[in-house]
Amino acid sequence: MNEARFLSLALANDTNRTILDRLPGLGLPDAWLVSGSLFQAVWNALTGRAPDYGIKDYDIFYFDPDTSWEAEDRAIARARDLFAPLGIEVELRNQARVHLWYPEKFGMPYPPLACATDGIDRFLAPACMVGVQAAGGGLQTYAPFGFGDIATMTVRPNPVANFNADRLAEKAARWKENWPEITIVTPP
């Protein structure tokens, strides 16, 4: 699968397209629509399901050097207002702040990141590691491992410092319920 095919299938979910159209209106630096809503829309296209089938929420990453909780909370409120008419769950996270709360929530260290795509690099499986942003009147895609695992519907561990086999197993089990066609590669 190449980038053009990936985008065509991911944007068959009109909600993804609408989010990307509206995302610049939030005025957030380095903002990306990431992960589940993208690769799951592709899985839906590949398996003949409705474009939004099984999509729990729509994740947006951005990178703002203002790491205050108040700044992120204001961004979350703006996003909630902007996307409320769509009737979807949007989860917005400033990747500059993740290292501040991650150790307490997940019990392991997380290094400070330098940009939003660094957060994409830390997803638990290569199939999840994808983002799209509106850029220069078009779309820019970030997929550090390419689109192969998305196309083959393969969930394999990403050998990253914050990898957690239990968290991946939990996510993969939920995905397997919705997309029984996926192949789950067990971590070593």
N, C-alpha and C. Protein backbone atom coordinates (compact mmCIF):
# COMPACT_ATOMS: atom_id res chain seq x y z
N MET A 1 0.86 -1.17 0.00
CA MET A 1 0.00 0.00 0.00
C MET A 1 0.91 1.23 0.00
N ASN A 2 0.61 2.17 -0.89
CA ASN A 2 1.37 3.42 -0.91
C ASN A 2 0.59 4.52 -0.20
N GLU A 3 1.21 5.69 -0.08
CA GLU A 3 0.59 6.79 0.64
C GLU A 3 -0.74 7.22 0.03
N ALA A 4 -0.80 7.30 -1.30
CA ALA A 4 -2.04 7.73 -1.96
C ALA A 4 -3.19 6.77 -1.67
N ARG A 5 -2.90 5.49 -1.72
CA ARG A 5 -3.95 4.48 -1.43
C ARG A 5 -4.36 4.57 0.03
N PHE A 6 -3.38 4.69 0.93
CA PHE A 6 -3.69 4.84 2.35
C PHE A 6 -4.62 6.02 2.57
N LEU A 7 -4.27 7.18 2.02
CA LEU A 7 -5.09 8.38 2.22
C LEU A 7 -6.49 8.20 1.64
N SER A 8 -6.56 7.59 0.48
CA SER A 8 -7.87 7.37 -0.14
C SER A 8 -8.77 6.54 0.77
N LEU A 9 -8.23 5.49 1.35
CA LEU A 9 -9.03 4.61 2.21
C LEU A 9 -9.31 5.27 3.56
N ALA A 10 -8.32 5.93 4.15
CA ALA A 10 -8.52 6.58 5.45
C ALA A 10 -9.53 7.71 5.36
N LEU A 11 -9.53 8.42 4.23
CA LEU A 11 -10.44 9.56 4.07
C LEU A 11 -11.81 9.15 3.54
N ALA A 12 -12.00 7.85 3.31
CA ALA A 12 -13.36 7.36 3.01
C ALA A 12 -14.24 7.55 4.23
N ASN A 13 -13.61 7.63 5.41
CA ASN A 13 -14.33 8.00 6.63
C ASN A 13 -14.45 9.53 6.61
N ASP A 14 -15.63 10.02 6.30
CA ASP A 14 -15.84 11.47 6.17
C ASP A 14 -15.46 12.24 7.43
N THR A 15 -15.55 11.59 8.59
CA THR A 15 -15.18 12.27 9.83
C THR A 15 -13.69 12.60 9.84
N ASN A 16 -12.86 11.68 9.36
CA ASN A 16 -11.42 11.98 9.25
C ASN A 16 -11.20 13.20 8.36
N ARG A 17 -11.87 13.22 7.24
CA ARG A 17 -11.74 14.34 6.29
C ARG A 17 -12.19 15.66 6.95
N THR A 18 -13.30 15.62 7.64
CA THR A 18 -13.83 16.83 8.29
C THR A 18 -12.87 17.32 9.38
N ILE A 19 -12.35 16.40 10.18
CA ILE A 19 -11.38 16.80 11.21
C ILE A 19 -10.18 17.48 10.58
N LEU A 20 -9.66 16.90 9.53
CA LEU A 20 -8.49 17.49 8.87
C LEU A 20 -8.80 18.85 8.25
N ASP A 21 -10.01 19.01 7.76
CA ASP A 21 -10.43 20.32 7.22
C ASP A 21 -10.50 21.37 8.33
N ARG A 22 -10.98 20.97 9.51
CA ARG A 22 -11.20 21.91 10.61
C ARG A 22 -9.98 22.09 11.51
N LEU A 23 -9.08 21.14 11.52
CA LEU A 23 -7.96 21.14 12.45
C LEU A 23 -7.13 22.43 12.42
N PRO A 24 -6.82 23.00 11.27
CA PRO A 24 -6.06 24.25 11.28
C PRO A 24 -6.78 25.37 12.04
N GLY A 25 -8.09 25.32 12.11
CA GLY A 25 -8.87 26.33 12.82
C GLY A 25 -8.60 26.37 14.32
N LEU A 26 -8.02 25.30 14.86
CA LEU A 26 -7.68 25.29 16.29
C LEU A 26 -6.44 26.12 16.57
N GLY A 27 -5.64 26.38 15.53
CA GLY A 27 -4.43 27.16 15.72
C GLY A 27 -3.39 26.49 16.59
N LEU A 28 -3.39 25.17 16.61
CA LEU A 28 -2.44 24.43 17.43
C LEU A 28 -1.18 24.12 16.62
N PRO A 29 0.00 24.29 17.24
CA PRO A 29 1.23 24.00 16.52
C PRO A 29 1.43 22.50 16.33
N ASP A 30 1.93 22.13 15.14
CA ASP A 30 2.31 20.75 14.85
C ASP A 30 1.17 19.77 15.14
N ALA A 31 -0.03 20.07 14.64
CA ALA A 31 -1.22 19.26 14.93
C ALA A 31 -1.41 18.16 13.89
N TRP A 32 -1.73 16.97 14.38
CA TRP A 32 -1.91 15.77 13.55
C TRP A 32 -3.12 14.97 14.01
N LEU A 33 -3.89 14.45 13.07
CA LEU A 33 -4.86 13.40 13.35
C LEU A 33 -4.06 12.10 13.31
N VAL A 34 -4.17 11.28 14.35
CA VAL A 34 -3.27 10.12 14.45
C VAL A 34 -4.01 8.82 14.72
N SER A 35 -3.38 7.75 14.35
CA SER A 35 -3.62 6.38 14.78
C SER A 35 -4.97 5.79 14.41
N GLY A 36 -5.74 5.39 15.42
CA GLY A 36 -6.91 4.53 15.25
C GLY A 36 -7.90 4.93 14.19
N SER A 37 -8.32 6.17 14.17
CA SER A 37 -9.33 6.56 13.19
C SER A 37 -8.81 6.43 11.77
N LEU A 38 -7.50 6.47 11.61
CA LEU A 38 -6.88 6.35 10.29
C LEU A 38 -6.72 4.88 9.90
N PHE A 39 -5.96 4.12 10.71
CA PHE A 39 -5.71 2.73 10.29
C PHE A 39 -6.97 1.89 10.37
N GLN A 40 -7.88 2.21 11.28
CA GLN A 40 -9.12 1.43 11.37
C GLN A 40 -10.05 1.74 10.20
N ALA A 41 -10.04 2.96 9.70
CA ALA A 41 -10.82 3.27 8.50
C ALA A 41 -10.29 2.47 7.31
N VAL A 42 -8.97 2.31 7.24
CA VAL A 42 -8.39 1.49 6.17
C VAL A 42 -8.81 0.04 6.35
N TRP A 43 -8.72 -0.47 7.58
CA TRP A 43 -9.17 -1.85 7.83
C TRP A 43 -10.63 -2.02 7.42
N ASN A 44 -11.45 -1.01 7.69
CA ASN A 44 -12.86 -1.09 7.31
C ASN A 44 -13.01 -1.18 5.80
N ALA A 45 -12.25 -0.38 5.08
CA ALA A 45 -12.31 -0.43 3.61
C ALA A 45 -11.85 -1.80 3.11
N LEU A 46 -10.79 -2.32 3.69
CA LEU A 46 -10.25 -3.60 3.24
C LEU A 46 -11.19 -4.76 3.52
N THR A 47 -12.04 -4.62 4.53
CA THR A 47 -12.93 -5.73 4.93
C THR A 47 -14.40 -5.47 4.57
N GLY A 48 -14.67 -4.39 3.87
CA GLY A 48 -16.03 -4.12 3.43
C GLY A 48 -16.97 -3.63 4.50
N ARG A 49 -16.43 -3.04 5.56
CA ARG A 49 -17.27 -2.49 6.62
C ARG A 49 -17.51 -1.00 6.39
N ALA A 50 -18.46 -0.45 7.12
CA ALA A 50 -18.73 0.99 7.05
C ALA A 50 -17.46 1.75 7.43
N PRO A 51 -17.20 2.89 6.81
CA PRO A 51 -15.94 3.62 7.04
C PRO A 51 -15.65 3.97 8.49
N ASP A 52 -16.69 4.17 9.31
CA ASP A 52 -16.46 4.55 10.71
C ASP A 52 -16.70 3.40 11.69
N TYR A 53 -16.90 2.20 11.17
CA TYR A 53 -17.16 1.04 12.02
C TYR A 53 -16.03 0.87 13.04
N GLY A 54 -16.39 0.64 14.30
CA GLY A 54 -15.45 0.27 15.33
C GLY A 54 -14.53 1.37 15.84
N ILE A 55 -14.63 2.56 15.30
CA ILE A 55 -13.75 3.65 15.71
C ILE A 55 -14.28 4.25 17.00
N LYS A 56 -13.49 4.09 18.05
CA LYS A 56 -13.90 4.52 19.39
C LYS A 56 -13.77 6.03 19.56
N ASP A 57 -12.66 6.58 19.06
CA ASP A 57 -12.42 8.01 19.20
C ASP A 57 -11.44 8.48 18.13
N TYR A 58 -11.25 9.77 18.09
CA TYR A 58 -10.39 10.41 17.11
C TYR A 58 -9.30 11.14 17.89
N ASP A 59 -8.06 10.68 17.71
CA ASP A 59 -6.93 11.23 18.47
C ASP A 59 -6.23 12.32 17.68
N ILE A 60 -5.96 13.40 18.36
CA ILE A 60 -5.21 14.51 17.78
C ILE A 60 -4.01 14.80 18.68
N PHE A 61 -2.83 14.82 18.07
CA PHE A 61 -1.61 15.21 18.76
C PHE A 61 -1.21 16.59 18.27
N TYR A 62 -0.64 17.36 19.16
CA TYR A 62 -0.02 18.62 18.78
C TYR A 62 1.18 18.83 19.69
N PHE A 63 1.99 19.82 19.39
CA PHE A 63 3.18 20.07 20.20
C PHE A 63 3.29 21.55 20.49
N ASP A 64 3.02 21.89 21.75
CA ASP A 64 3.09 23.28 22.21
C ASP A 64 4.07 23.34 23.37
N PRO A 65 5.11 24.17 23.27
CA PRO A 65 6.08 24.26 24.37
C PRO A 65 5.47 24.72 25.69
N ASP A 66 4.27 25.31 25.66
CA ASP A 66 3.58 25.65 26.91
C ASP A 66 3.03 24.36 27.48
N THR A 67 3.73 23.81 28.47
CA THR A 67 3.35 22.51 29.03
C THR A 67 2.41 22.62 30.22
N SER A 68 1.82 23.77 30.42
CA SER A 68 0.90 23.91 31.54
C SER A 68 -0.39 23.12 31.27
N TRP A 69 -0.96 22.60 32.34
CA TRP A 69 -2.23 21.89 32.24
C TRP A 69 -3.30 22.84 31.72
N GLU A 70 -3.24 24.09 32.16
CA GLU A 70 -4.26 25.08 31.77
C GLU A 70 -4.25 25.31 30.26
N ALA A 71 -3.07 25.39 29.66
CA ALA A 71 -2.99 25.60 28.20
C ALA A 71 -3.58 24.41 27.45
N GLU A 72 -3.25 23.20 27.89
CA GLU A 72 -3.80 22.03 27.23
C GLU A 72 -5.31 21.96 27.43
N ASP A 73 -5.76 22.30 28.63
CA ASP A 73 -7.19 22.28 28.91
C ASP A 73 -7.96 23.26 28.02
N ARG A 74 -7.36 24.43 27.78
CA ARG A 74 -8.00 25.40 26.87
C ARG A 74 -8.07 24.84 25.45
N ALA A 75 -7.01 24.17 25.01
CA ALA A 75 -7.00 23.56 23.68
C ALA A 75 -8.06 22.46 23.58
N ILE A 76 -8.17 21.66 24.63
CA ILE A 76 -9.18 20.59 24.65
C ILE A 76 -10.58 21.19 24.56
N ALA A 77 -10.83 22.28 25.28
CA ALA A 77 -12.15 22.93 25.24
C ALA A 77 -12.45 23.48 23.84
N ARG A 78 -11.45 24.09 23.19
CA ARG A 78 -11.65 24.60 21.82
C ARG A 78 -11.96 23.45 20.86
N ALA A 79 -11.24 22.35 21.02
CA ALA A 79 -11.49 21.19 20.16
C ALA A 79 -12.88 20.62 20.40
N ARG A 80 -13.27 20.54 21.66
CA ARG A 80 -14.60 20.03 21.99
C ARG A 80 -15.67 20.87 21.30
N ASP A 81 -15.52 22.19 21.35
CA ASP A 81 -16.49 23.08 20.70
C ASP A 81 -16.48 22.93 19.18
N LEU A 82 -15.28 22.84 18.61
CA LEU A 82 -15.15 22.75 17.16
C LEU A 82 -15.73 21.45 16.60
N PHE A 83 -15.51 20.35 17.33
CA PHE A 83 -15.92 19.05 16.81
C PHE A 83 -17.24 18.54 17.38
N ALA A 84 -17.84 19.25 18.32
CA ALA A 84 -19.11 18.81 18.93
C ALA A 84 -20.19 18.50 17.90
N PRO A 85 -20.34 19.33 16.84
CA PRO A 85 -21.39 19.02 15.88
C PRO A 85 -21.23 17.66 15.18
N LEU A 86 -20.03 17.09 15.24
CA LEU A 86 -19.80 15.80 14.59
C LEU A 86 -20.30 14.63 15.43
N GLY A 87 -20.56 14.87 16.73
CA GLY A 87 -21.05 13.81 17.60
C GLY A 87 -20.04 12.69 17.82
N ILE A 88 -18.78 13.04 17.90
CA ILE A 88 -17.71 12.05 18.07
C ILE A 88 -16.91 12.37 19.32
N GLU A 89 -16.14 11.40 19.76
CA GLU A 89 -15.20 11.58 20.86
C GLU A 89 -13.85 11.97 20.26
N VAL A 90 -13.33 13.12 20.68
CA VAL A 90 -12.01 13.57 20.24
C VAL A 90 -11.10 13.61 21.46
N GLU A 91 -9.94 13.00 21.34
CA GLU A 91 -8.95 13.05 22.41
C GLU A 91 -7.75 13.84 21.90
N LEU A 92 -7.54 14.99 22.50
CA LEU A 92 -6.49 15.92 22.10
C LEU A 92 -5.39 15.91 23.16
N ARG A 93 -4.12 15.75 22.74
CA ARG A 93 -3.02 15.70 23.69
C ARG A 93 -1.81 16.46 23.18
N ASN A 94 -1.29 17.34 24.06
CA ASN A 94 -0.06 18.06 23.78
C ASN A 94 1.11 17.11 24.05
N GLN A 95 1.84 16.74 23.02
CA GLN A 95 2.93 15.80 23.17
C GLN A 95 4.11 16.38 23.95
N ALA A 96 4.17 17.68 24.10
CA ALA A 96 5.21 18.30 24.92
C ALA A 96 4.99 18.04 26.40
N ARG A 97 3.79 17.59 26.78
CA ARG A 97 3.45 17.35 28.19
C ARG A 97 3.47 15.88 28.59
N VAL A 98 3.55 14.95 27.66
CA VAL A 98 3.36 13.53 27.98
C VAL A 98 4.33 13.06 29.06
N HIS A 99 5.56 13.48 29.00
CA HIS A 99 6.54 13.02 29.99
C HIS A 99 6.19 13.47 31.41
N LEU A 100 5.31 14.45 31.55
CA LEU A 100 4.93 14.95 32.86
C LEU A 100 3.91 14.04 33.57
N TRP A 101 3.05 13.38 32.82
CA TRP A 101 2.01 12.55 33.44
C TRP A 101 2.16 11.05 33.17
N TYR A 102 2.90 10.67 32.15
CA TYR A 102 3.00 9.27 31.74
C TYR A 102 3.53 8.35 32.85
N PRO A 103 4.64 8.73 33.54
CA PRO A 103 5.16 7.81 34.58
C PRO A 103 4.14 7.48 35.67
N GLU A 104 3.36 8.46 36.09
CA GLU A 104 2.36 8.20 37.12
C GLU A 104 1.23 7.31 36.60
N LYS A 105 0.80 7.56 35.37
CA LYS A 105 -0.32 6.81 34.81
C LYS A 105 0.07 5.38 34.41
N PHE A 106 1.28 5.21 33.84
CA PHE A 106 1.65 3.90 33.30
C PHE A 106 2.82 3.23 34.03
N GLY A 107 3.40 3.91 35.03
CA GLY A 107 4.42 3.28 35.85
C GLY A 107 5.77 3.08 35.19
N MET A 108 6.07 3.85 34.16
CA MET A 108 7.38 3.77 33.52
C MET A 108 7.77 5.14 32.99
N PRO A 109 9.06 5.39 32.87
CA PRO A 109 9.50 6.70 32.40
C PRO A 109 9.15 6.93 30.94
N TYR A 110 9.11 8.19 30.59
CA TYR A 110 8.80 8.60 29.23
C TYR A 110 9.63 9.86 28.97
N PRO A 111 10.50 9.83 27.99
CA PRO A 111 11.37 10.99 27.79
C PRO A 111 10.61 12.18 27.20
N PRO A 112 11.10 13.39 27.46
CA PRO A 112 10.50 14.55 26.79
C PRO A 112 10.63 14.39 25.27
N LEU A 113 9.60 14.82 24.56
CA LEU A 113 9.58 14.73 23.10
C LEU A 113 9.93 16.08 22.50
N ALA A 114 10.30 16.08 21.23
CA ALA A 114 10.69 17.32 20.55
C ALA A 114 9.64 17.81 19.56
N CYS A 115 8.70 16.93 19.18
CA CYS A 115 7.65 17.30 18.22
C CYS A 115 6.52 16.28 18.33
N ALA A 116 5.41 16.56 17.69
CA ALA A 116 4.24 15.68 17.78
C ALA A 116 4.51 14.31 17.17
N THR A 117 5.28 14.25 16.09
CA THR A 117 5.53 12.95 15.47
C THR A 117 6.37 12.04 16.36
N ASP A 118 7.13 12.60 17.30
CA ASP A 118 7.83 11.75 18.27
C ASP A 118 6.83 10.92 19.07
N GLY A 119 5.65 11.46 19.32
CA GLY A 119 4.60 10.71 20.01
C GLY A 119 4.08 9.56 19.16
N ILE A 120 3.96 9.79 17.86
CA ILE A 120 3.53 8.73 16.94
C ILE A 120 4.55 7.60 16.96
N ASP A 121 5.83 7.95 17.02
CA ASP A 121 6.90 6.94 17.05
C ASP A 121 6.79 6.02 18.25
N ARG A 122 6.12 6.44 19.30
CA ARG A 122 6.05 5.67 20.54
C ARG A 122 4.78 4.82 20.66
N PHE A 123 3.95 4.78 19.62
CA PHE A 123 2.79 3.89 19.67
C PHE A 123 3.25 2.44 19.81
N LEU A 124 2.41 1.60 20.35
CA LEU A 124 2.78 0.24 20.71
C LEU A 124 2.93 -0.72 19.53
N ALA A 125 2.39 -0.35 18.35
CA ALA A 125 2.46 -1.23 17.18
C ALA A 125 2.65 -0.38 15.92
N PRO A 126 3.47 -0.85 14.97
CA PRO A 126 3.66 -0.10 13.72
C PRO A 126 2.36 0.20 12.97
N ALA A 127 1.37 -0.67 13.07
CA ALA A 127 0.10 -0.41 12.39
C ALA A 127 -0.58 0.85 12.92
N CYS A 128 -0.27 1.22 14.16
CA CYS A 128 -0.85 2.41 14.79
C CYS A 128 -0.07 3.68 14.46
N MET A 129 1.14 3.51 13.98
CA MET A 129 2.08 4.62 13.85
C MET A 129 1.86 5.39 12.55
N VAL A 130 0.80 6.19 12.56
CA VAL A 130 0.47 6.96 11.38
C VAL A 130 -0.22 8.25 11.81
N GLY A 131 0.06 9.31 11.08
CA GLY A 131 -0.59 10.58 11.32
C GLY A 131 -0.76 11.33 10.02
N VAL A 132 -1.77 12.20 9.99
CA VAL A 132 -2.03 13.04 8.82
C VAL A 132 -2.30 14.44 9.32
N GLN A 133 -1.72 15.42 8.64
CA GLN A 133 -1.99 16.81 8.99
C GLN A 133 -2.24 17.60 7.72
N ALA A 134 -3.04 18.67 7.89
CA ALA A 134 -3.25 19.61 6.81
C ALA A 134 -2.00 20.47 6.72
N ALA A 135 -1.42 20.56 5.51
CA ALA A 135 -0.19 21.32 5.35
C ALA A 135 -0.11 21.88 3.93
N GLY A 136 0.14 23.18 3.84
CA GLY A 136 0.35 23.81 2.54
C GLY A 136 -0.78 23.60 1.54
N GLY A 137 -2.01 23.61 2.02
CA GLY A 137 -3.15 23.42 1.12
C GLY A 137 -3.42 21.98 0.76
N GLY A 138 -2.64 21.05 1.31
CA GLY A 138 -2.84 19.63 1.06
C GLY A 138 -2.72 18.85 2.35
N LEU A 139 -2.33 17.61 2.21
CA LEU A 139 -2.17 16.75 3.38
C LEU A 139 -0.75 16.20 3.42
N GLN A 140 -0.23 16.09 4.62
CA GLN A 140 1.07 15.48 4.85
C GLN A 140 0.84 14.24 5.70
N THR A 141 1.49 13.16 5.33
CA THR A 141 1.35 11.90 6.06
C THR A 141 2.67 11.55 6.73
N TYR A 142 2.57 11.01 7.93
CA TYR A 142 3.74 10.53 8.65
C TYR A 142 3.48 9.08 9.02
N ALA A 143 4.33 8.19 8.55
CA ALA A 143 4.22 6.75 8.84
C ALA A 143 5.64 6.19 8.86
N PRO A 144 6.32 6.25 10.01
CA PRO A 144 7.74 5.88 10.05
C PRO A 144 8.04 4.44 9.66
N PHE A 145 7.07 3.53 9.80
CA PHE A 145 7.26 2.14 9.39
C PHE A 145 6.51 1.83 8.10
N GLY A 146 5.98 2.87 7.44
CA GLY A 146 5.24 2.65 6.21
C GLY A 146 3.83 2.16 6.49
N PHE A 147 3.21 1.59 5.46
CA PHE A 147 1.80 1.20 5.53
C PHE A 147 1.60 -0.31 5.45
N GLY A 148 2.70 -1.07 5.45
CA GLY A 148 2.62 -2.52 5.26
C GLY A 148 1.77 -3.22 6.30
N ASP A 149 1.99 -2.93 7.59
CA ASP A 149 1.21 -3.61 8.63
C ASP A 149 -0.25 -3.18 8.61
N ILE A 150 -0.52 -1.97 8.17
CA ILE A 150 -1.92 -1.54 8.03
C ILE A 150 -2.57 -2.33 6.91
N ALA A 151 -1.87 -2.45 5.78
CA ALA A 151 -2.41 -3.15 4.62
C ALA A 151 -2.62 -4.63 4.88
N THR A 152 -1.73 -5.24 5.65
CA THR A 152 -1.87 -6.68 5.92
C THR A 152 -2.65 -6.95 7.20
N MET A 153 -3.09 -5.86 7.86
CA MET A 153 -3.86 -5.96 9.09
C MET A 153 -3.09 -6.76 10.15
N THR A 154 -1.83 -6.39 10.30
CA THR A 154 -0.94 -7.06 11.24
C THR A 154 -0.64 -6.14 12.42
N VAL A 155 -0.82 -6.66 13.62
CA VAL A 155 -0.50 -5.92 14.84
C VAL A 155 0.71 -6.59 15.46
N ARG A 156 1.85 -5.91 15.38
CA ARG A 156 3.09 -6.44 15.94
C ARG A 156 3.67 -5.41 16.90
N PRO A 157 4.47 -5.84 17.86
CA PRO A 157 5.05 -4.91 18.82
C PRO A 157 6.00 -3.91 18.17
N ASN A 158 5.96 -2.70 18.67
CA ASN A 158 6.93 -1.67 18.29
C ASN A 158 8.01 -1.69 19.37
N PRO A 159 9.26 -2.01 19.00
CA PRO A 159 10.32 -2.11 20.01
C PRO A 159 10.76 -0.73 20.51
N VAL A 160 9.93 -0.13 21.31
CA VAL A 160 10.20 1.21 21.82
C VAL A 160 10.35 1.13 23.33
N ALA A 161 11.03 2.09 23.90
CA ALA A 161 11.35 2.06 25.33
C ALA A 161 10.10 1.95 26.21
N ASN A 162 8.99 2.55 25.82
CA ASN A 162 7.78 2.51 26.64
C ASN A 162 6.85 1.36 26.27
N PHE A 163 7.36 0.35 25.54
CA PHE A 163 6.51 -0.77 25.14
C PHE A 163 5.98 -1.50 26.38
N ASN A 164 4.69 -1.84 26.32
CA ASN A 164 4.05 -2.58 27.40
C ASN A 164 3.20 -3.67 26.76
N ALA A 165 3.63 -4.91 26.91
CA ALA A 165 2.95 -6.05 26.27
C ALA A 165 1.51 -6.18 26.72
N ASP A 166 1.23 -5.91 27.99
CA ASP A 166 -0.14 -6.02 28.49
C ASP A 166 -1.05 -4.99 27.84
N ARG A 167 -0.56 -3.76 27.70
CA ARG A 167 -1.38 -2.72 27.06
C ARG A 167 -1.64 -3.07 25.59
N LEU A 168 -0.61 -3.58 24.90
CA LEU A 168 -0.82 -3.97 23.50
C LEU A 168 -1.81 -5.12 23.42
N ALA A 169 -1.70 -6.09 24.30
CA ALA A 169 -2.62 -7.23 24.29
C ALA A 169 -4.06 -6.77 24.51
N GLU A 170 -4.24 -5.82 25.42
CA GLU A 170 -5.57 -5.28 25.69
C GLU A 170 -6.15 -4.59 24.45
N LYS A 171 -5.36 -3.74 23.83
CA LYS A 171 -5.82 -3.05 22.62
C LYS A 171 -6.08 -4.04 21.48
N ALA A 172 -5.15 -4.97 21.29
CA ALA A 172 -5.28 -5.93 20.20
C ALA A 172 -6.51 -6.81 20.38
N ALA A 173 -6.84 -7.17 21.61
CA ALA A 173 -8.03 -7.98 21.87
C ALA A 173 -9.29 -7.21 21.47
N ARG A 174 -9.32 -5.92 21.80
CA ARG A 174 -10.48 -5.10 21.41
C ARG A 174 -10.58 -5.00 19.89
N TRP A 175 -9.44 -4.79 19.24
CA TRP A 175 -9.44 -4.70 17.78
C TRP A 175 -9.86 -6.03 17.14
N LYS A 176 -9.41 -7.14 17.72
CA LYS A 176 -9.75 -8.47 17.17
C LYS A 176 -11.25 -8.72 17.22
N GLU A 177 -11.92 -8.18 18.24
CA GLU A 177 -13.38 -8.31 18.31
C GLU A 177 -14.05 -7.62 17.13
N ASN A 178 -13.54 -6.45 16.75
CA ASN A 178 -14.13 -5.70 15.65
C ASN A 178 -13.63 -6.14 14.28
N TRP A 179 -12.37 -6.53 14.21
CA TRP A 179 -11.75 -6.93 12.95
C TRP A 179 -11.09 -8.30 13.14
N PRO A 180 -11.88 -9.38 13.12
CA PRO A 180 -11.31 -10.71 13.36
C PRO A 180 -10.26 -11.10 12.32
N GLU A 181 -10.19 -10.35 11.23
CA GLU A 181 -9.22 -10.65 10.18
C GLU A 181 -7.78 -10.27 10.56
N ILE A 182 -7.60 -9.47 11.62
CA ILE A 182 -6.24 -9.03 11.94
C ILE A 182 -5.39 -10.20 12.44
N THR A 183 -4.10 -10.06 12.22
CA THR A 183 -3.12 -11.00 12.73
C THR A 183 -2.37 -10.32 13.85
N ILE A 184 -2.31 -10.95 15.01
CA ILE A 184 -1.61 -10.39 16.16
C ILE A 184 -0.32 -11.17 16.35
N VAL A 185 0.79 -10.44 16.31
CA VAL A 185 2.10 -11.02 16.54
C VAL A 185 2.43 -10.84 18.02
N THR A 186 2.62 -11.92 18.73
CA THR A 186 2.88 -11.89 20.16
C THR A 186 4.30 -11.37 20.40
N PRO A 187 4.45 -10.47 21.39
CA PRO A 187 5.80 -9.97 21.69
C PRO A 187 6.72 -11.10 22.16
N PRO A 188 8.02 -10.98 21.87
CA PRO A 188 8.95 -12.02 22.34
C PRO A 188 9.05 -12.03 23.85
